[in-house]
Amino acid sequence: MSSMNFAASPQAYRESAVLTAPPERLVVMLYDGAGRFLFQAATAMREGDVPTAHERLRRAERIVEHLLATLDMSQGEIAERLEAIYVFCLQLLGEGRIRQDADALDKVAELLGELREAWAELASGAVAATA
């Protein structure tokens, strides 16, 4: 009987990080995932690997769709602006898929990267405030 050291398991670490993260940190993790999938999709697209590009792009789209669906619209102008950005990102990703335009994916990754930095600052401030 082999004993598995969960501390050494990257999957167990990721699951633990997600389960214990504050909400702001979870949003940062979602942005990180979207950025990673968009990079992989754009790379595959540029290499002509359509199936991989499609699969990675779909994963990024699911993350943006989740971010959009979980917006708290009672937060007013900020939520409305984020909603507009997410809708724009999804439109640009759809156009990128149709035209096989990796540059469109890069634009979305850049935009989400900027939002990610803002959320990371918010998350670090939230962590500092609770420490």
N, C-alpha and C. Protein backbone atom coordinates (compact mmCIF):
# COMPACT_ATOMS: atom_id res chain seq x y z
N MET A 1 0.85 -1.18 0.00
CA MET A 1 0.00 0.00 0.00
C MET A 1 0.89 1.24 0.00
N SER A 2 0.75 2.03 -1.03
CA SER A 2 1.59 3.23 -1.13
C SER A 2 0.87 4.40 -0.48
N SER A 3 1.64 5.21 0.20
CA SER A 3 1.05 6.40 0.79
C SER A 3 1.38 7.59 -0.09
N MET A 4 0.37 8.36 -0.37
CA MET A 4 0.55 9.53 -1.23
C MET A 4 0.73 10.77 -0.37
N ASN A 5 1.76 11.51 -0.64
CA ASN A 5 2.00 12.74 0.10
C ASN A 5 1.26 13.86 -0.62
N PHE A 6 0.11 14.27 -0.06
CA PHE A 6 -0.71 15.28 -0.73
C PHE A 6 -0.01 16.63 -0.83
N ALA A 7 0.89 16.90 0.09
CA ALA A 7 1.62 18.17 0.03
C ALA A 7 2.48 18.23 -1.23
N ALA A 8 2.89 17.07 -1.73
CA ALA A 8 3.75 17.03 -2.92
C ALA A 8 2.93 16.98 -4.20
N SER A 9 1.63 16.82 -4.09
CA SER A 9 0.76 16.71 -5.26
C SER A 9 0.34 18.10 -5.75
N PRO A 10 0.73 18.47 -6.96
CA PRO A 10 0.31 19.78 -7.48
C PRO A 10 -1.21 19.93 -7.54
N GLN A 11 -1.90 18.85 -7.90
CA GLN A 11 -3.37 18.90 -7.97
C GLN A 11 -3.97 19.16 -6.59
N ALA A 12 -3.47 18.47 -5.57
CA ALA A 12 -3.97 18.67 -4.21
C ALA A 12 -3.68 20.09 -3.74
N TYR A 13 -2.50 20.60 -4.07
CA TYR A 13 -2.15 21.97 -3.70
C TYR A 13 -3.11 22.97 -4.35
N ARG A 14 -3.37 22.79 -5.66
CA ARG A 14 -4.28 23.70 -6.37
C ARG A 14 -5.67 23.65 -5.77
N GLU A 15 -6.16 22.43 -5.48
CA GLU A 15 -7.50 22.30 -4.90
C GLU A 15 -7.56 22.98 -3.54
N SER A 16 -6.53 22.81 -2.73
CA SER A 16 -6.48 23.45 -1.42
C SER A 16 -6.44 24.97 -1.56
N ALA A 17 -5.65 25.45 -2.51
CA ALA A 17 -5.54 26.90 -2.73
C ALA A 17 -6.88 27.49 -3.13
N VAL A 18 -7.61 26.79 -3.98
CA VAL A 18 -8.92 27.28 -4.42
C VAL A 18 -9.92 27.25 -3.28
N LEU A 19 -9.90 26.18 -2.49
CA LEU A 19 -10.88 26.05 -1.41
C LEU A 19 -10.66 27.05 -0.28
N THR A 20 -9.44 27.52 -0.09
CA THR A 20 -9.14 28.41 1.03
C THR A 20 -8.94 29.87 0.62
N ALA A 21 -8.99 30.16 -0.67
CA ALA A 21 -8.71 31.52 -1.15
C ALA A 21 -9.88 32.46 -0.89
N PRO A 22 -9.56 33.72 -0.55
CA PRO A 22 -10.62 34.73 -0.45
C PRO A 22 -11.18 35.02 -1.85
N PRO A 23 -12.41 35.55 -1.93
CA PRO A 23 -13.04 35.78 -3.24
C PRO A 23 -12.18 36.58 -4.22
N GLU A 24 -11.50 37.61 -3.73
CA GLU A 24 -10.68 38.43 -4.63
C GLU A 24 -9.56 37.60 -5.25
N ARG A 25 -9.00 36.71 -4.46
CA ARG A 25 -7.91 35.85 -4.95
C ARG A 25 -8.45 34.84 -5.96
N LEU A 26 -9.68 34.36 -5.76
CA LEU A 26 -10.29 33.44 -6.73
C LEU A 26 -10.44 34.11 -8.09
N VAL A 27 -10.82 35.38 -8.09
CA VAL A 27 -10.95 36.11 -9.36
C VAL A 27 -9.59 36.20 -10.04
N VAL A 28 -8.54 36.47 -9.28
CA VAL A 28 -7.18 36.52 -9.84
C VAL A 28 -6.83 35.16 -10.46
N MET A 29 -7.17 34.08 -9.76
CA MET A 29 -6.89 32.74 -10.29
C MET A 29 -7.64 32.50 -11.60
N LEU A 30 -8.87 32.98 -11.69
CA LEU A 30 -9.63 32.83 -12.93
C LEU A 30 -8.96 33.61 -14.07
N TYR A 31 -8.54 34.82 -13.78
CA TYR A 31 -7.82 35.60 -14.80
C TYR A 31 -6.53 34.89 -15.22
N ASP A 32 -5.82 34.32 -14.26
CA ASP A 32 -4.60 33.58 -14.59
C ASP A 32 -4.90 32.42 -15.53
N GLY A 33 -5.96 31.69 -15.22
CA GLY A 33 -6.34 30.56 -16.07
C GLY A 33 -6.73 31.01 -17.47
N ALA A 34 -7.52 32.07 -17.56
CA ALA A 34 -7.93 32.58 -18.86
C ALA A 34 -6.71 33.02 -19.67
N GLY A 35 -5.79 33.73 -19.02
CA GLY A 35 -4.58 34.17 -19.71
C GLY A 35 -3.75 33.00 -20.23
N ARG A 36 -3.63 31.98 -19.41
CA ARG A 36 -2.87 30.79 -19.81
C ARG A 36 -3.53 30.11 -21.01
N PHE A 37 -4.85 29.93 -20.95
CA PHE A 37 -5.55 29.27 -22.05
C PHE A 37 -5.51 30.11 -23.32
N LEU A 38 -5.59 31.43 -23.19
CA LEU A 38 -5.52 32.30 -24.37
C LEU A 38 -4.14 32.24 -25.01
N PHE A 39 -3.10 32.21 -24.19
CA PHE A 39 -1.74 32.08 -24.73
C PHE A 39 -1.61 30.76 -25.49
N GLN A 40 -2.09 29.68 -24.87
CA GLN A 40 -2.01 28.37 -25.51
C GLN A 40 -2.83 28.34 -26.80
N ALA A 41 -4.01 28.94 -26.78
CA ALA A 41 -4.87 28.97 -27.98
C ALA A 41 -4.21 29.76 -29.09
N ALA A 42 -3.66 30.93 -28.76
CA ALA A 42 -3.02 31.77 -29.78
C ALA A 42 -1.81 31.06 -30.38
N THR A 43 -1.03 30.40 -29.52
CA THR A 43 0.13 29.66 -30.00
C THR A 43 -0.30 28.54 -30.95
N ALA A 44 -1.30 27.77 -30.54
CA ALA A 44 -1.80 26.68 -31.38
C ALA A 44 -2.36 27.22 -32.69
N MET A 45 -3.06 28.36 -32.62
CA MET A 45 -3.64 28.96 -33.82
C MET A 45 -2.55 29.36 -34.80
N ARG A 46 -1.50 29.95 -34.27
CA ARG A 46 -0.38 30.38 -35.13
C ARG A 46 0.34 29.18 -35.75
N GLU A 47 0.29 28.04 -35.06
CA GLU A 47 0.93 26.82 -35.57
C GLU A 47 0.00 26.01 -36.46
N GLY A 48 -1.25 26.48 -36.63
CA GLY A 48 -2.20 25.78 -37.47
C GLY A 48 -2.84 24.58 -36.80
N ASP A 49 -2.70 24.47 -35.49
CA ASP A 49 -3.30 23.36 -34.74
C ASP A 49 -4.70 23.77 -34.32
N VAL A 50 -5.64 23.65 -35.23
CA VAL A 50 -7.01 24.13 -35.00
C VAL A 50 -7.70 23.42 -33.84
N PRO A 51 -7.60 22.08 -33.72
CA PRO A 51 -8.30 21.43 -32.59
C PRO A 51 -7.81 21.92 -31.22
N THR A 52 -6.50 22.05 -31.05
CA THR A 52 -5.98 22.53 -29.77
C THR A 52 -6.38 23.98 -29.55
N ALA A 53 -6.28 24.79 -30.59
CA ALA A 53 -6.66 26.20 -30.48
C ALA A 53 -8.12 26.31 -30.05
N HIS A 54 -8.98 25.52 -30.67
CA HIS A 54 -10.41 25.57 -30.34
C HIS A 54 -10.65 25.16 -28.89
N GLU A 55 -10.02 24.07 -28.46
CA GLU A 55 -10.23 23.56 -27.11
C GLU A 55 -9.74 24.55 -26.06
N ARG A 56 -8.56 25.12 -26.24
CA ARG A 56 -8.01 26.09 -25.28
C ARG A 56 -8.83 27.38 -25.30
N LEU A 57 -9.25 27.80 -26.48
CA LEU A 57 -10.06 29.01 -26.59
C LEU A 57 -11.40 28.80 -25.88
N ARG A 58 -11.98 27.63 -26.03
CA ARG A 58 -13.25 27.34 -25.37
C ARG A 58 -13.11 27.41 -23.85
N ARG A 59 -11.97 26.92 -23.34
CA ARG A 59 -11.75 26.96 -21.90
C ARG A 59 -11.63 28.41 -21.41
N ALA A 60 -10.94 29.24 -22.18
CA ALA A 60 -10.83 30.66 -21.82
C ALA A 60 -12.20 31.32 -21.87
N GLU A 61 -12.98 31.00 -22.90
CA GLU A 61 -14.32 31.58 -23.01
C GLU A 61 -15.19 31.18 -21.82
N ARG A 62 -15.08 29.95 -21.38
CA ARG A 62 -15.87 29.50 -20.21
C ARG A 62 -15.52 30.32 -18.97
N ILE A 63 -14.25 30.64 -18.82
CA ILE A 63 -13.84 31.45 -17.66
C ILE A 63 -14.45 32.84 -17.75
N VAL A 64 -14.36 33.47 -18.93
CA VAL A 64 -14.94 34.81 -19.10
C VAL A 64 -16.45 34.75 -18.91
N GLU A 65 -17.09 33.70 -19.42
CA GLU A 65 -18.53 33.54 -19.23
C GLU A 65 -18.87 33.41 -17.74
N HIS A 66 -18.04 32.70 -17.00
CA HIS A 66 -18.25 32.55 -15.55
C HIS A 66 -18.08 33.91 -14.85
N LEU A 67 -17.04 34.64 -15.22
CA LEU A 67 -16.83 35.97 -14.63
C LEU A 67 -18.04 36.86 -14.90
N LEU A 68 -18.56 36.79 -16.11
CA LEU A 68 -19.73 37.58 -16.49
C LEU A 68 -20.97 37.15 -15.69
N ALA A 69 -21.19 35.85 -15.61
CA ALA A 69 -22.39 35.33 -14.95
C ALA A 69 -22.39 35.59 -13.44
N THR A 70 -21.22 35.73 -12.85
CA THR A 70 -21.15 35.89 -11.39
C THR A 70 -20.98 37.34 -10.95
N LEU A 71 -21.06 38.28 -11.89
CA LEU A 71 -20.98 39.69 -11.52
C LEU A 71 -22.12 40.05 -10.58
N ASP A 72 -21.82 40.83 -9.58
CA ASP A 72 -22.84 41.33 -8.67
C ASP A 72 -23.27 42.70 -9.20
N MET A 73 -24.35 42.70 -9.97
CA MET A 73 -24.79 43.93 -10.64
C MET A 73 -25.30 44.97 -9.65
N SER A 74 -25.50 44.59 -8.39
CA SER A 74 -25.93 45.57 -7.39
C SER A 74 -24.77 46.51 -7.03
N GLN A 75 -23.57 46.20 -7.50
CA GLN A 75 -22.40 47.02 -7.19
C GLN A 75 -22.30 48.26 -8.09
N GLY A 76 -23.24 48.42 -9.00
CA GLY A 76 -23.32 49.66 -9.77
C GLY A 76 -22.36 49.76 -10.93
N GLU A 77 -21.75 50.93 -11.05
CA GLU A 77 -20.96 51.29 -12.23
C GLU A 77 -19.79 50.34 -12.48
N ILE A 78 -19.12 49.91 -11.45
CA ILE A 78 -17.98 49.00 -11.63
C ILE A 78 -18.44 47.71 -12.27
N ALA A 79 -19.54 47.14 -11.76
CA ALA A 79 -20.07 45.90 -12.32
C ALA A 79 -20.52 46.11 -13.77
N GLU A 80 -21.13 47.26 -14.04
CA GLU A 80 -21.58 47.55 -15.41
C GLU A 80 -20.39 47.64 -16.37
N ARG A 81 -19.31 48.26 -15.91
CA ARG A 81 -18.11 48.37 -16.76
C ARG A 81 -17.49 47.00 -17.00
N LEU A 82 -17.41 46.20 -15.94
CA LEU A 82 -16.87 44.84 -16.10
C LEU A 82 -17.74 44.02 -17.04
N GLU A 83 -19.06 44.18 -16.91
CA GLU A 83 -19.97 43.46 -17.80
C GLU A 83 -19.67 43.82 -19.26
N ALA A 84 -19.52 45.11 -19.54
CA ALA A 84 -19.24 45.56 -20.90
C ALA A 84 -17.90 45.01 -21.39
N ILE A 85 -16.91 44.97 -20.52
CA ILE A 85 -15.59 44.45 -20.90
C ILE A 85 -15.68 42.96 -21.21
N TYR A 86 -16.36 42.21 -20.35
CA TYR A 86 -16.47 40.76 -20.57
C TYR A 86 -17.24 40.45 -21.85
N VAL A 87 -18.32 41.18 -22.11
CA VAL A 87 -19.09 40.98 -23.34
C VAL A 87 -18.21 41.29 -24.55
N PHE A 88 -17.46 42.39 -24.48
CA PHE A 88 -16.53 42.74 -25.56
C PHE A 88 -15.50 41.64 -25.77
N CYS A 89 -14.94 41.13 -24.68
CA CYS A 89 -13.95 40.06 -24.77
C CYS A 89 -14.53 38.82 -25.46
N LEU A 90 -15.73 38.44 -25.08
CA LEU A 90 -16.36 37.27 -25.69
C LEU A 90 -16.62 37.50 -27.19
N GLN A 91 -17.02 38.71 -27.55
CA GLN A 91 -17.23 39.02 -28.98
C GLN A 91 -15.92 38.93 -29.74
N LEU A 92 -14.87 39.49 -29.17
CA LEU A 92 -13.56 39.48 -29.82
C LEU A 92 -13.02 38.05 -29.95
N LEU A 93 -13.25 37.24 -28.93
CA LEU A 93 -12.82 35.84 -28.99
C LEU A 93 -13.58 35.07 -30.07
N GLY A 94 -14.87 35.35 -30.18
CA GLY A 94 -15.67 34.71 -31.22
C GLY A 94 -15.18 35.09 -32.62
N GLU A 95 -14.89 36.38 -32.79
CA GLU A 95 -14.36 36.84 -34.08
C GLU A 95 -12.99 36.22 -34.34
N GLY A 96 -12.16 36.13 -33.30
CA GLY A 96 -10.84 35.53 -33.45
C GLY A 96 -10.93 34.08 -33.88
N ARG A 97 -11.91 33.36 -33.32
CA ARG A 97 -12.10 31.96 -33.69
C ARG A 97 -12.50 31.85 -35.15
N ILE A 98 -13.46 32.66 -35.57
CA ILE A 98 -13.96 32.59 -36.95
C ILE A 98 -12.87 32.92 -37.95
N ARG A 99 -12.11 33.97 -37.66
CA ARG A 99 -11.06 34.42 -38.60
C ARG A 99 -9.72 33.73 -38.36
N GLN A 100 -9.64 32.88 -37.31
CA GLN A 100 -8.37 32.27 -36.91
C GLN A 100 -7.32 33.38 -36.73
N ASP A 101 -7.72 34.40 -35.96
CA ASP A 101 -6.90 35.58 -35.73
C ASP A 101 -6.33 35.52 -34.31
N ALA A 102 -5.10 35.04 -34.18
CA ALA A 102 -4.45 34.92 -32.88
C ALA A 102 -4.24 36.29 -32.24
N ASP A 103 -4.11 37.34 -33.05
CA ASP A 103 -3.92 38.69 -32.50
C ASP A 103 -5.14 39.12 -31.68
N ALA A 104 -6.33 38.70 -32.09
CA ALA A 104 -7.54 39.03 -31.33
C ALA A 104 -7.48 38.39 -29.95
N LEU A 105 -6.97 37.16 -29.89
CA LEU A 105 -6.83 36.48 -28.61
C LEU A 105 -5.81 37.20 -27.74
N ASP A 106 -4.73 37.66 -28.37
CA ASP A 106 -3.72 38.42 -27.63
C ASP A 106 -4.30 39.69 -27.03
N LYS A 107 -5.18 40.37 -27.78
CA LYS A 107 -5.80 41.61 -27.29
C LYS A 107 -6.64 41.33 -26.05
N VAL A 108 -7.40 40.23 -26.11
CA VAL A 108 -8.22 39.88 -24.95
C VAL A 108 -7.33 39.52 -23.77
N ALA A 109 -6.27 38.77 -24.02
CA ALA A 109 -5.35 38.39 -22.94
C ALA A 109 -4.74 39.64 -22.30
N GLU A 110 -4.41 40.62 -23.11
CA GLU A 110 -3.85 41.86 -22.58
C GLU A 110 -4.87 42.60 -21.72
N LEU A 111 -6.09 42.68 -22.20
CA LEU A 111 -7.14 43.36 -21.46
C LEU A 111 -7.43 42.65 -20.14
N LEU A 112 -7.55 41.32 -20.19
CA LEU A 112 -7.78 40.56 -18.96
C LEU A 112 -6.58 40.65 -18.02
N GLY A 113 -5.38 40.75 -18.59
CA GLY A 113 -4.18 40.90 -17.77
C GLY A 113 -4.20 42.20 -16.98
N GLU A 114 -4.70 43.27 -17.60
CA GLU A 114 -4.82 44.54 -16.90
C GLU A 114 -5.83 44.43 -15.75
N LEU A 115 -6.95 43.77 -16.02
CA LEU A 115 -7.95 43.58 -14.97
C LEU A 115 -7.39 42.69 -13.86
N ARG A 116 -6.62 41.70 -14.25
CA ARG A 116 -6.01 40.79 -13.28
C ARG A 116 -5.12 41.56 -12.30
N GLU A 117 -4.34 42.50 -12.83
CA GLU A 117 -3.46 43.28 -11.96
C GLU A 117 -4.27 44.10 -10.96
N ALA A 118 -5.37 44.67 -11.41
CA ALA A 118 -6.23 45.45 -10.51
C ALA A 118 -6.81 44.56 -9.42
N TRP A 119 -7.26 43.36 -9.79
CA TRP A 119 -7.80 42.43 -8.80
C TRP A 119 -6.71 41.93 -7.87
N ALA A 120 -5.49 41.74 -8.38
CA ALA A 120 -4.38 41.29 -7.54
C ALA A 120 -4.07 42.34 -6.46
N GLU A 121 -4.12 43.61 -6.85
CA GLU A 121 -3.91 44.69 -5.88
C GLU A 121 -5.02 44.67 -4.83
N LEU A 122 -6.25 44.49 -5.29
CA LEU A 122 -7.39 44.42 -4.39
C LEU A 122 -7.24 43.23 -3.44
N ALA A 123 -6.82 42.09 -3.98
CA ALA A 123 -6.65 40.88 -3.17
C ALA A 123 -5.56 41.07 -2.13
N SER A 124 -4.46 41.70 -2.52
CA SER A 124 -3.38 41.90 -1.54
C SER A 124 -3.80 42.89 -0.47
N GLY A 125 -4.60 43.86 -0.83
CA GLY A 125 -5.12 44.80 0.16
C GLY A 125 -6.11 44.14 1.09
N ALA A 126 -6.92 43.22 0.55
CA ALA A 126 -7.90 42.50 1.37
C ALA A 126 -7.18 41.58 2.33
N VAL A 127 -6.11 40.94 1.88
CA VAL A 127 -5.33 40.05 2.75
C VAL A 127 -4.67 40.86 3.86
N ALA A 128 -4.10 42.02 3.50
CA ALA A 128 -3.45 42.87 4.49
C ALA A 128 -4.46 43.37 5.52
N ALA A 129 -5.67 43.67 5.07
CA ALA A 129 -6.68 44.20 5.96
C ALA A 129 -7.16 43.14 6.97
N THR A 130 -7.09 41.86 6.59
CA THR A 130 -7.56 40.81 7.48
C THR A 130 -6.45 40.23 8.34
N ALA A 131 -5.21 40.59 8.03
CA ALA A 131 -4.07 40.01 8.77
C ALA A 131 -3.89 40.65 10.11
